[in-house]
Amino acid sequence: MKPIVIAGAVAAGMSAASQIKRKIPDAQVIVFGREPFISYGACGMPFYVSGEIEDYNRLMVLKPEKAIKERKIDLRINHEVISIDKEKKQVEVKDLKLNSTFIQDYEKLIIATGARAIMPPIPGIDLDGIFPLKELGDSIAINEFIEKEKPEKSVIIGGGFIGVEVAESFRKRGMSITLVEAASRILGVMDCDMSDLVVKEMERNEAVIITSDKVVGFEGDGKVKKVKLESGKEIEADIVLLSIGVTPNSEIASNAGLEMGPRKTILADRYMKTSDPDIYAAGDCSTVYH
């Protein structure tokens, strides 16, 4: 029998792998994870950025060594599934360290590739000091930048949960805060009276909140120094957090001809089965039955 292959080694991928090994101990389960980290508490990342959590290892629920030795999962980090041949029941995998590819057969395939931060093609977005916060590696990079560069002025683009949480984190690191939101208010998922309370608390902590304005460019000499807004305003910045949402990592599914759902997600039924009976999808890359 061919192995069960899982693309993605964070929440959904490792949960699936662990559950399969519990139910079918003799099953061969191969998990390919693009990141060097697996199964971490992403909700705690702002507290690592703030310094309240000093060691990012405390965010890890399961380390690769334990998954391999104790759970008997064939886990391969720094590997990315880049294409699916559903007729041959094969995936093409890229070894990100060796920069080489190989073909892996599967009996069943689970796509748990998650989502990635939206990084729009704004002029200057490749300057040093501009970060998303989606993966554990992002929080490590932000923390290393803060410790090395000692930024004093921060700009946060996006007034959702992550943007507001990181505003608090940056303030605890001694930085000034300017938060820019394209909509008319921050935390649009909340009722107005609730988001107004958050605004008052942020302003009490000397944060500047700019709404109904968009970022149109970044300026700097290698490192970001200025954020340009559609209104013509320019904001000095030593570090920028870009938090304007995520998009599903679903390209391998659409390229393979799987049926897609809303917002580029992989369409899955209540049992997480896709339009192919041998392929399942779970997590941020897929639809969820409600």
C-alpha atoms as a PDB file:
ATOM      1  CA  MET A   1       0.000   0.000   0.000  1.00  0.00           C
ATOM      2  CA  LYS A   2       1.237   3.475  -0.855  1.00  0.00           C
ATOM      3  CA  PRO A   3       1.732   5.991   1.989  1.00  0.00           C
ATOM      4  CA  ILE A   4      -0.660   8.660   3.167  1.00  0.00           C
ATOM      5  CA  VAL A   5       0.969  11.950   2.203  1.00  0.00           C
ATOM      6  CA  ILE A   6       0.294  15.269   3.933  1.00  0.00           C
ATOM      7  CA  ALA A   7       1.304  18.615   2.443  1.00  0.00           C
ATOM      8  CA  GLY A   8       1.778  21.030   5.344  1.00  0.00           C
ATOM      9  CA  ALA A   9       3.158  20.437   8.828  1.00  0.00           C
ATOM     10  CA  VAL A  10       1.624  23.025  11.118  1.00  0.00           C
ATOM     11  CA  ALA A  11      -1.810  22.843  12.789  1.00  0.00           C
ATOM     12  CA  ALA A  12      -4.034  20.903  10.382  1.00  0.00           C
ATOM     13  CA  GLY A  13      -1.270  18.799   8.845  1.00  0.00           C
ATOM     14  CA  MET A  14       0.264  17.537  12.065  1.00  0.00           C
ATOM     15  CA  SER A  15      -3.143  17.057  13.701  1.00  0.00           C
ATOM     16  CA  ALA A  16      -4.143  14.836  10.794  1.00  0.00           C
ATOM     17  CA  ALA A  17      -0.860  12.914  10.888  1.00  0.00           C
ATOM     18  CA  SER A  18      -1.076  12.315  14.635  1.00  0.00           C
ATOM     19  CA  GLN A  19      -4.704  11.196  14.453  1.00  0.00           C
ATOM     20  CA  ILE A  20      -3.989   8.787  11.598  1.00  0.00           C
ATOM     21  CA  LYS A  21      -1.130   7.191  13.548  1.00  0.00           C
ATOM     22  CA  ARG A  22      -3.401   6.821  16.592  1.00  0.00           C
ATOM     23  CA  LYS A  23      -6.153   5.144  14.577  1.00  0.00           C
ATOM     24  CA  ILE A  24      -3.933   3.169  12.177  1.00  0.00           C
ATOM     25  CA  PRO A  25      -0.548   2.666  13.898  1.00  0.00           C
ATOM     26  CA  ASP A  26       0.862   0.650  10.995  1.00  0.00           C
ATOM     27  CA  ALA A  27       0.038   3.279   8.381  1.00  0.00           C
ATOM     28  CA  GLN A  28       2.935   4.970   6.650  1.00  0.00           C
ATOM     29  CA  VAL A  29       2.397   8.716   6.996  1.00  0.00           C
ATOM     30  CA  ILE A  30       4.717  11.153   5.234  1.00  0.00           C
ATOM     31  CA  VAL A  31       4.405  14.845   6.087  1.00  0.00           C
ATOM     32  CA  PHE A  32       6.132  17.526   4.024  1.00  0.00           C
ATOM     33  CA  GLY A  33       6.519  20.878   5.793  1.00  0.00           C
ATOM     34  CA  ARG A  34       7.833  23.995   4.085  1.00  0.00           C
ATOM     35  CA  GLU A  35       8.782  25.678   7.373  1.00  0.00           C
ATOM     36  CA  PRO A  36      11.517  24.467   9.738  1.00  0.00           C
ATOM     37  CA  PHE A  37       8.928  24.607  12.561  1.00  0.00           C
ATOM     38  CA  ILE A  38       5.797  22.525  13.119  1.00  0.00           C
ATOM     39  CA  SER A  39       2.771  22.721  15.437  1.00  0.00           C
ATOM     40  CA  TYR A  40       3.325  26.088  17.085  1.00  0.00           C
ATOM     41  CA  GLY A  41       1.003  28.465  18.894  1.00  0.00           C
ATOM     42  CA  ALA A  42       0.683  31.287  16.389  1.00  0.00           C
ATOM     43  CA  CYS A  43      -1.572  33.292  18.726  1.00  0.00           C
ATOM     44  CA  GLY A  44       1.387  33.722  21.075  1.00  0.00           C
ATOM     45  CA  MET A  45       3.679  35.301  18.484  1.00  0.00           C
ATOM     46  CA  PRO A  46       2.858  38.932  19.423  1.00  0.00           C
ATOM     47  CA  PHE A  47       3.915  38.103  22.993  1.00  0.00           C
ATOM     48  CA  TYR A  48       7.277  36.896  21.679  1.00  0.00           C
ATOM     49  CA  VAL A  49       7.632  40.156  19.731  1.00  0.00           C
ATOM     50  CA  SER A  50       6.791  42.130  22.892  1.00  0.00           C
ATOM     51  CA  GLY A  51       9.396  40.252  24.928  1.00  0.00           C
ATOM     52  CA  GLU A  52       6.851  38.775  27.336  1.00  0.00           C
ATOM     53  CA  ILE A  53       7.747  35.350  25.960  1.00  0.00           C
ATOM     54  CA  GLU A  54      11.540  35.326  25.876  1.00  0.00           C
ATOM     55  CA  ASP A  55      12.120  31.999  24.102  1.00  0.00           C
ATOM     56  CA  TYR A  56      10.188  31.135  20.936  1.00  0.00           C
ATOM     57  CA  ASN A  57      10.576  27.455  21.819  1.00  0.00           C
ATOM     58  CA  ARG A  58       7.810  28.033  24.376  1.00  0.00           C
ATOM     59  CA  LEU A  59       5.429  28.553  21.449  1.00  0.00           C
ATOM     60  CA  MET A  60       6.115  25.094  20.062  1.00  0.00           C
ATOM     61  CA  VAL A  61       3.535  22.437  20.816  1.00  0.00           C
ATOM     62  CA  LEU A  62       5.430  19.652  19.058  1.00  0.00           C
ATOM     63  CA  LYS A  63       9.020  19.571  17.832  1.00  0.00           C
ATOM     64  CA  PRO A  64      10.115  17.609  14.732  1.00  0.00           C
ATOM     65  CA  GLU A  65      12.273  15.192  16.736  1.00  0.00           C
ATOM     66  CA  LYS A  66       9.341  14.142  18.933  1.00  0.00           C
ATOM     67  CA  ALA A  67       7.003  13.729  15.965  1.00  0.00           C
ATOM     68  CA  ILE A  68       9.511  11.434  14.286  1.00  0.00           C
ATOM     69  CA  LYS A  69      10.698   9.401  17.284  1.00  0.00           C
ATOM     70  CA  GLU A  70       7.611   9.153  19.461  1.00  0.00           C
ATOM     71  CA  ARG A  71       4.738   9.421  16.994  1.00  0.00           C
ATOM     72  CA  LYS A  72       6.530   7.509  14.220  1.00  0.00           C
ATOM     73  CA  ILE A  73       5.627  10.107  11.600  1.00  0.00           C
ATOM     74  CA  ASP A  74       7.872  10.364   8.544  1.00  0.00           C
ATOM     75  CA  LEU A  75       8.246  14.132   8.860  1.00  0.00           C
ATOM     76  CA  ARG A  76      10.365  16.076   6.389  1.00  0.00           C
ATOM     77  CA  ILE A  77      10.749  19.753   7.166  1.00  0.00           C
ATOM     78  CA  ASN A  78      12.071  22.233   4.589  1.00  0.00           C
ATOM     79  CA  HIS A  79      10.175  20.306   1.921  1.00  0.00           C
ATOM     80  CA  GLU A  80       7.349  21.788  -0.149  1.00  0.00           C
ATOM     81  CA  VAL A  81       4.776  19.994  -2.292  1.00  0.00           C
ATOM     82  CA  ILE A  82       4.756  22.018  -5.513  1.00  0.00           C
ATOM     83  CA  SER A  83       2.387  20.032  -7.759  1.00  0.00           C
ATOM     84  CA  ILE A  84      -0.167  17.200  -7.736  1.00  0.00           C
ATOM     85  CA  ASP A  85      -0.861  14.606 -10.428  1.00  0.00           C
ATOM     86  CA  LYS A  86      -4.190  13.180  -9.276  1.00  0.00           C
ATOM     87  CA  GLU A  87      -4.410  10.702 -12.155  1.00  0.00           C
ATOM     88  CA  LYS A  88      -1.072   9.096 -11.255  1.00  0.00           C
ATOM     89  CA  LYS A  89      -1.635   9.765  -7.520  1.00  0.00           C
ATOM     90  CA  GLN A  90       1.731  11.456  -7.201  1.00  0.00           C
ATOM     91  CA  VAL A  91       3.061  14.737  -5.836  1.00  0.00           C
ATOM     92  CA  GLU A  92       6.173  16.625  -6.847  1.00  0.00           C
ATOM     93  CA  VAL A  93       8.170  17.727  -3.816  1.00  0.00           C
ATOM     94  CA  LYS A  94      10.923  20.335  -3.605  1.00  0.00           C
ATOM     95  CA  ASP A  95      13.746  19.947  -1.103  1.00  0.00           C
ATOM     96  CA  LEU A  96      14.224  23.599  -0.158  1.00  0.00           C
ATOM     97  CA  LYS A  97      17.716  23.047   1.253  1.00  0.00           C
ATOM     98  CA  LEU A  98      19.103  21.064  -1.673  1.00  0.00           C
ATOM     99  CA  ASN A  99      17.009  22.960  -4.253  1.00  0.00           C
ATOM    100  CA  SER A 100      16.073  19.674  -5.909  1.00  0.00           C
ATOM    101  CA  THR A 101      12.759  17.934  -6.639  1.00  0.00           C
ATOM    102  CA  PHE A 102      11.445  14.373  -6.533  1.00  0.00           C
ATOM    103  CA  ILE A 103       8.208  12.456  -7.079  1.00  0.00           C
ATOM    104  CA  GLN A 104       6.272  10.841  -4.218  1.00  0.00           C
ATOM    105  CA  ASP A 105       3.409   8.366  -4.677  1.00  0.00           C
ATOM    106  CA  TYR A 106       0.393   8.478  -2.367  1.00  0.00           C
ATOM    107  CA  GLU A 107      -2.615   6.358  -1.470  1.00  0.00           C
ATOM    108  CA  LYS A 108      -4.422   9.312   0.081  1.00  0.00           C
ATOM    109  CA  LEU A 109      -3.341  12.959   0.047  1.00  0.00           C
ATOM    110  CA  ILE A 110      -4.172  15.650   2.604  1.00  0.00           C
ATOM    111  CA  ILE A 111      -3.586  19.267   1.584  1.00  0.00           C
ATOM    112  CA  ALA A 112      -2.935  21.392   4.668  1.00  0.00           C
ATOM    113  CA  THR A 113      -0.828  24.144   3.125  1.00  0.00           C
ATOM    114  CA  GLY A 114      -2.455  26.962   5.112  1.00  0.00           C
ATOM    115  CA  ALA A 115      -2.380  30.580   4.027  1.00  0.00           C
ATOM    116  CA  ARG A 116       0.206  33.295   3.526  1.00  0.00           C
ATOM    117  CA  ALA A 117       0.289  36.978   4.333  1.00  0.00           C
ATOM    118  CA  ILE A 118      -0.797  39.310   1.553  1.00  0.00           C
ATOM    119  CA  MET A 119       2.211  41.342   0.409  1.00  0.00           C
ATOM    120  CA  PRO A 120       0.930  43.660  -2.350  1.00  0.00           C
ATOM    121  CA  PRO A 121       3.289  45.037  -5.030  1.00  0.00           C
ATOM    122  CA  ILE A 122       3.640  48.454  -3.377  1.00  0.00           C
ATOM    123  CA  PRO A 123       6.780  50.374  -4.424  1.00  0.00           C
ATOM    124  CA  GLY A 124       9.525  49.795  -1.861  1.00  0.00           C
ATOM    125  CA  ILE A 125       7.923  46.774  -0.197  1.00  0.00           C
ATOM    126  CA  ASP A 126      11.187  44.823  -0.490  1.00  0.00           C
ATOM    127  CA  LEU A 127      13.068  47.237   1.784  1.00  0.00           C
ATOM    128  CA  ASP A 128      14.528  45.813   4.986  1.00  0.00           C
ATOM    129  CA  GLY A 129      12.409  46.428   8.054  1.00  0.00           C
ATOM    130  CA  ILE A 130       9.053  45.608   6.464  1.00  0.00           C
ATOM    131  CA  PHE A 131       7.534  42.417   7.888  1.00  0.00           C
ATOM    132  CA  PRO A 132       4.390  40.304   7.849  1.00  0.00           C
ATOM    133  CA  LEU A 133       3.441  38.249  10.909  1.00  0.00           C
ATOM    134  CA  LYS A 134       1.985  34.950   9.739  1.00  0.00           C
ATOM    135  CA  GLU A 135       4.575  32.271  10.514  1.00  0.00           C
ATOM    136  CA  LEU A 136       6.818  31.651  13.500  1.00  0.00           C
ATOM    137  CA  GLY A 137       9.790  32.574  11.347  1.00  0.00           C
ATOM    138  CA  ASP A 138       8.253  36.030  10.856  1.00  0.00           C
ATOM    139  CA  SER A 139       8.161  36.674  14.609  1.00  0.00           C
ATOM    140  CA  ILE A 140      11.763  35.505  14.968  1.00  0.00           C
ATOM    141  CA  ALA A 141      12.843  37.831  12.143  1.00  0.00           C
ATOM    142  CA  ILE A 142      10.972  40.784  13.697  1.00  0.00           C
ATOM    143  CA  ASN A 143      12.512  40.142  17.096  1.00  0.00           C
ATOM    144  CA  GLU A 144      16.022  39.857  15.662  1.00  0.00           C
ATOM    145  CA  PHE A 145      15.526  43.108  13.737  1.00  0.00           C
ATOM    146  CA  ILE A 146      14.343  44.936  16.880  1.00  0.00           C
ATOM    147  CA  GLU A 147      17.288  43.681  18.928  1.00  0.00           C
ATOM    148  CA  LYS A 148      19.824  44.596  16.236  1.00  0.00           C
ATOM    149  CA  GLU A 149      18.440  47.867  14.836  1.00  0.00           C
ATOM    150  CA  LYS A 150      16.732  49.288  17.965  1.00  0.00           C
ATOM    151  CA  PRO A 151      13.875  50.928  15.995  1.00  0.00           C
ATOM    152  CA  GLU A 152      12.143  53.876  17.626  1.00  0.00           C
ATOM    153  CA  LYS A 153       9.321  54.617  15.172  1.00  0.00           C
ATOM    154  CA  SER A 154       6.948  51.889  14.036  1.00  0.00           C
ATOM    155  CA  VAL A 155       4.159  51.925  11.473  1.00  0.00           C
ATOM    156  CA  ILE A 156       1.524  49.205  11.419  1.00  0.00           C
ATOM    157  CA  ILE A 157      -0.524  48.781   8.265  1.00  0.00           C
ATOM    158  CA  GLY A 158      -3.846  47.117   8.973  1.00  0.00           C
ATOM    159  CA  GLY A 159      -6.122  47.543  11.964  1.00  0.00           C
ATOM    160  CA  GLY A 160      -7.294  43.970  12.408  1.00  0.00           C
ATOM    161  CA  PHE A 161      -6.530  41.679  15.332  1.00  0.00           C
ATOM    162  CA  ILE A 162      -2.862  41.153  14.457  1.00  0.00           C
ATOM    163  CA  GLY A 163      -2.181  44.819  13.772  1.00  0.00           C
ATOM    164  CA  VAL A 164      -3.720  45.896  17.086  1.00  0.00           C
ATOM    165  CA  GLU A 165      -1.958  43.157  19.060  1.00  0.00           C
ATOM    166  CA  VAL A 166       1.425  44.025  17.553  1.00  0.00           C
ATOM    167  CA  ALA A 167       0.815  47.715  18.271  1.00  0.00           C
ATOM    168  CA  GLU A 168       0.778  46.758  21.945  1.00  0.00           C
ATOM    169  CA  SER A 169       3.884  44.592  21.438  1.00  0.00           C
ATOM    170  CA  PHE A 170       5.821  47.406  19.768  1.00  0.00           C
ATOM    171  CA  ARG A 171       4.754  49.868  22.456  1.00  0.00           C
ATOM    172  CA  LYS A 172       6.128  47.515  25.114  1.00  0.00           C
ATOM    173  CA  ARG A 173       9.413  47.548  23.211  1.00  0.00           C
ATOM    174  CA  GLY A 174       9.541  51.336  23.582  1.00  0.00           C
ATOM    175  CA  MET A 175       8.511  52.339  20.084  1.00  0.00           C
ATOM    176  CA  SER A 176       6.123  55.042  18.963  1.00  0.00           C
ATOM    177  CA  ILE A 177       3.094  53.659  17.121  1.00  0.00           C
ATOM    178  CA  THR A 178       1.281  54.847  14.012  1.00  0.00           C
ATOM    179  CA  LEU A 179      -1.439  52.509  12.781  1.00  0.00           C
ATOM    180  CA  VAL A 180      -2.857  52.988   9.274  1.00  0.00           C
ATOM    181  CA  GLU A 181      -6.202  51.432   8.306  1.00  0.00           C
ATOM    182  CA  ALA A 182      -7.808  51.793   4.869  1.00  0.00           C
ATOM    183  CA  ALA A 183     -11.325  51.333   6.256  1.00  0.00           C
ATOM    184  CA  SER A 184     -13.174  53.964   8.259  1.00  0.00           C
ATOM    185  CA  ARG A 185     -12.315  52.295  11.595  1.00  0.00           C
ATOM    186  CA  ILE A 186     -10.090  49.634  13.085  1.00  0.00           C
ATOM    187  CA  LEU A 187     -11.341  46.192  14.180  1.00  0.00           C
ATOM    188  CA  GLY A 188     -14.191  46.220  11.710  1.00  0.00           C
ATOM    189  CA  VAL A 189     -15.249  42.738  12.846  1.00  0.00           C
ATOM    190  CA  MET A 190     -16.397  44.267  16.134  1.00  0.00           C
ATOM    191  CA  ASP A 191     -19.372  46.513  16.850  1.00  0.00           C
ATOM    192  CA  CYS A 192     -18.521  50.207  16.671  1.00  0.00           C
ATOM    193  CA  ASP A 193     -18.826  50.784  20.409  1.00  0.00           C
ATOM    194  CA  MET A 194     -16.322  47.987  21.078  1.00  0.00           C
ATOM    195  CA  SER A 195     -13.759  49.128  18.525  1.00  0.00           C
ATOM    196  CA  ASP A 196     -14.136  52.688  19.886  1.00  0.00           C
ATOM    197  CA  LEU A 197     -13.043  51.387  23.302  1.00  0.00           C
ATOM    198  CA  VAL A 198      -9.913  49.904  21.740  1.00  0.00           C
ATOM    199  CA  VAL A 199      -9.158  53.185  19.958  1.00  0.00           C
ATOM    200  CA  LYS A 200      -9.431  55.117  23.231  1.00  0.00           C
ATOM    201  CA  GLU A 201      -7.108  52.691  25.001  1.00  0.00           C
ATOM    202  CA  MET A 202      -4.563  52.822  22.161  1.00  0.00           C
ATOM    203  CA  GLU A 203      -4.641  56.618  22.106  1.00  0.00           C
ATOM    204  CA  ARG A 204      -4.244  56.646  25.886  1.00  0.00           C
ATOM    205  CA  ASN A 205      -1.000  54.766  25.211  1.00  0.00           C
ATOM    206  CA  GLU A 206       0.060  57.460  22.713  1.00  0.00           C
ATOM    207  CA  ALA A 207      -0.668  55.486  19.532  1.00  0.00           C
ATOM    208  CA  VAL A 208      -1.614  57.531  16.451  1.00  0.00           C
ATOM    209  CA  ILE A 209      -4.443  55.941  14.443  1.00  0.00           C
ATOM    210  CA  ILE A 210      -5.056  56.969  10.832  1.00  0.00           C
ATOM    211  CA  THR A 211      -8.186  55.627   9.128  1.00  0.00           C
ATOM    212  CA  SER A 212      -9.671  55.944   5.622  1.00  0.00           C
ATOM    213  CA  ASP A 213      -6.203  56.168   4.088  1.00  0.00           C
ATOM    214  CA  LYS A 214      -4.063  53.724   2.123  1.00  0.00           C
ATOM    215  CA  VAL A 215      -0.333  53.079   1.861  1.00  0.00           C
ATOM    216  CA  VAL A 216       0.954  53.751  -1.662  1.00  0.00           C
ATOM    217  CA  GLY A 217       4.708  53.410  -1.183  1.00  0.00           C
ATOM    218  CA  PHE A 218       7.740  52.953   1.032  1.00  0.00           C
ATOM    219  CA  GLU A 219      10.980  54.914   0.877  1.00  0.00           C
ATOM    220  CA  GLY A 220      14.428  54.209   2.249  1.00  0.00           C
ATOM    221  CA  ASP A 221      18.042  53.498   1.417  1.00  0.00           C
ATOM    222  CA  GLY A 222      18.105  49.721   1.782  1.00  0.00           C
ATOM    223  CA  LYS A 223      16.043  49.981   4.981  1.00  0.00           C
ATOM    224  CA  VAL A 224      12.596  51.484   5.260  1.00  0.00           C
ATOM    225  CA  LYS A 225      12.569  55.090   6.453  1.00  0.00           C
ATOM    226  CA  LYS A 226       9.237  56.472   5.313  1.00  0.00           C
ATOM    227  CA  VAL A 227       5.687  55.313   4.579  1.00  0.00           C
ATOM    228  CA  LYS A 228       3.731  57.249   1.931  1.00  0.00           C
ATOM    229  CA  LEU A 229      -0.066  57.451   2.095  1.00  0.00           C
ATOM    230  CA  GLU A 230      -2.668  58.076  -0.598  1.00  0.00           C
ATOM    231  CA  SER A 231      -3.661  61.318   1.115  1.00  0.00           C
ATOM    232  CA  GLY A 232      -0.148  62.658   0.617  1.00  0.00           C
ATOM    233  CA  LYS A 233       0.931  62.146   4.219  1.00  0.00           C
ATOM    234  CA  GLU A 234       4.384  60.744   4.864  1.00  0.00           C
ATOM    235  CA  ILE A 235       5.219  58.896   8.087  1.00  0.00           C
ATOM    236  CA  GLU A 236       8.731  58.257   9.335  1.00  0.00           C
ATOM    237  CA  ALA A 237       9.347  54.600  10.135  1.00  0.00           C
ATOM    238  CA  ASP A 238      12.183  52.427  11.395  1.00  0.00           C
ATOM    239  CA  ILE A 239      10.075  49.253  11.216  1.00  0.00           C
ATOM    240  CA  VAL A 240       6.803  48.404   9.449  1.00  0.00           C
ATOM    241  CA  LEU A 241       4.342  45.598  10.121  1.00  0.00           C
ATOM    242  CA  LEU A 242       2.190  44.771   7.106  1.00  0.00           C
ATOM    243  CA  SER A 243      -0.989  43.084   8.329  1.00  0.00           C
ATOM    244  CA  ILE A 244      -3.690  43.447   5.697  1.00  0.00           C
ATOM    245  CA  GLY A 245      -4.909  39.861   5.563  1.00  0.00           C
ATOM    246  CA  VAL A 246      -4.025  36.436   4.212  1.00  0.00           C
ATOM    247  CA  THR A 247      -4.668  34.429   1.069  1.00  0.00           C
ATOM    248  CA  PRO A 248      -4.915  30.616   0.851  1.00  0.00           C
ATOM    249  CA  ASN A 249      -1.960  28.558  -0.337  1.00  0.00           C
ATOM    250  CA  SER A 250      -4.231  26.669  -2.720  1.00  0.00           C
ATOM    251  CA  GLU A 251      -2.437  26.945  -6.058  1.00  0.00           C
ATOM    252  CA  ILE A 252      -1.335  23.296  -6.158  1.00  0.00           C
ATOM    253  CA  ALA A 253      -4.991  22.249  -5.815  1.00  0.00           C
ATOM    254  CA  SER A 254      -6.358  24.577  -8.495  1.00  0.00           C
ATOM    255  CA  ASN A 255      -3.504  23.670 -10.844  1.00  0.00           C
ATOM    256  CA  ALA A 256      -4.358  19.994 -10.328  1.00  0.00           C
ATOM    257  CA  GLY A 257      -7.960  20.641 -11.335  1.00  0.00           C
ATOM    258  CA  LEU A 258      -9.600  20.255  -7.934  1.00  0.00           C
ATOM    259  CA  GLU A 259     -12.868  22.117  -7.469  1.00  0.00           C
ATOM    260  CA  MET A 260     -12.381  25.435  -5.709  1.00  0.00           C
ATOM    261  CA  GLY A 261     -14.639  27.265  -3.267  1.00  0.00           C
ATOM    262  CA  PRO A 262     -14.985  30.967  -2.358  1.00  0.00           C
ATOM    263  CA  ARG A 263     -11.944  33.240  -2.028  1.00  0.00           C
ATOM    264  CA  LYS A 264      -9.549  30.761  -3.713  1.00  0.00           C
ATOM    265  CA  THR A 265     -10.097  28.062  -1.085  1.00  0.00           C
ATOM    266  CA  ILE A 266     -10.173  24.340  -1.857  1.00  0.00           C
ATOM    267  CA  LEU A 267     -13.767  23.090  -1.816  1.00  0.00           C
ATOM    268  CA  ALA A 268     -14.207  20.348   0.804  1.00  0.00           C
ATOM    269  CA  ASP A 269     -17.301  18.598   2.155  1.00  0.00           C
ATOM    270  CA  ARG A 270     -18.183  18.027   5.810  1.00  0.00           C
ATOM    271  CA  TYR A 271     -15.658  15.167   5.890  1.00  0.00           C
ATOM    272  CA  MET A 272     -12.928  17.405   4.398  1.00  0.00           C
ATOM    273  CA  LYS A 273     -12.969  15.428   1.138  1.00  0.00           C
ATOM    274  CA  THR A 274     -12.285  17.398  -2.042  1.00  0.00           C
ATOM    275  CA  SER A 275     -13.693  16.786  -5.523  1.00  0.00           C
ATOM    276  CA  ASP A 276     -11.135  13.961  -5.810  1.00  0.00           C
ATOM    277  CA  PRO A 277     -12.099  11.012  -3.551  1.00  0.00           C
ATOM    278  CA  ASP A 278      -8.457  10.362  -2.639  1.00  0.00           C
ATOM    279  CA  ILE A 279      -7.594  13.952  -1.710  1.00  0.00           C
ATOM    280  CA  TYR A 280      -8.623  15.812   1.435  1.00  0.00           C
ATOM    281  CA  ALA A 281      -8.053  19.428   2.469  1.00  0.00           C
ATOM    282  CA  ALA A 282      -8.055  21.107   5.875  1.00  0.00           C
ATOM    283  CA  GLY A 283      -7.076  24.370   7.530  1.00  0.00           C
ATOM    284  CA  ASP A 284      -6.705  27.849   6.077  1.00  0.00           C
ATOM    285  CA  CYS A 285      -6.342  26.578   2.500  1.00  0.00           C
ATOM    286  CA  SER A 286      -9.800  24.980   2.450  1.00  0.00           C
ATOM    287  CA  THR A 287     -13.471  25.644   2.955  1.00  0.00           C
ATOM    288  CA  VAL A 288     -15.026  24.530   6.232  1.00  0.00           C
ATOM    289  CA  TYR A 289     -18.444  22.905   6.541  1.00  0.00           C
ATOM    290  CA  HIS A 290     -20.613  24.924   8.919  1.00  0.00           C
END
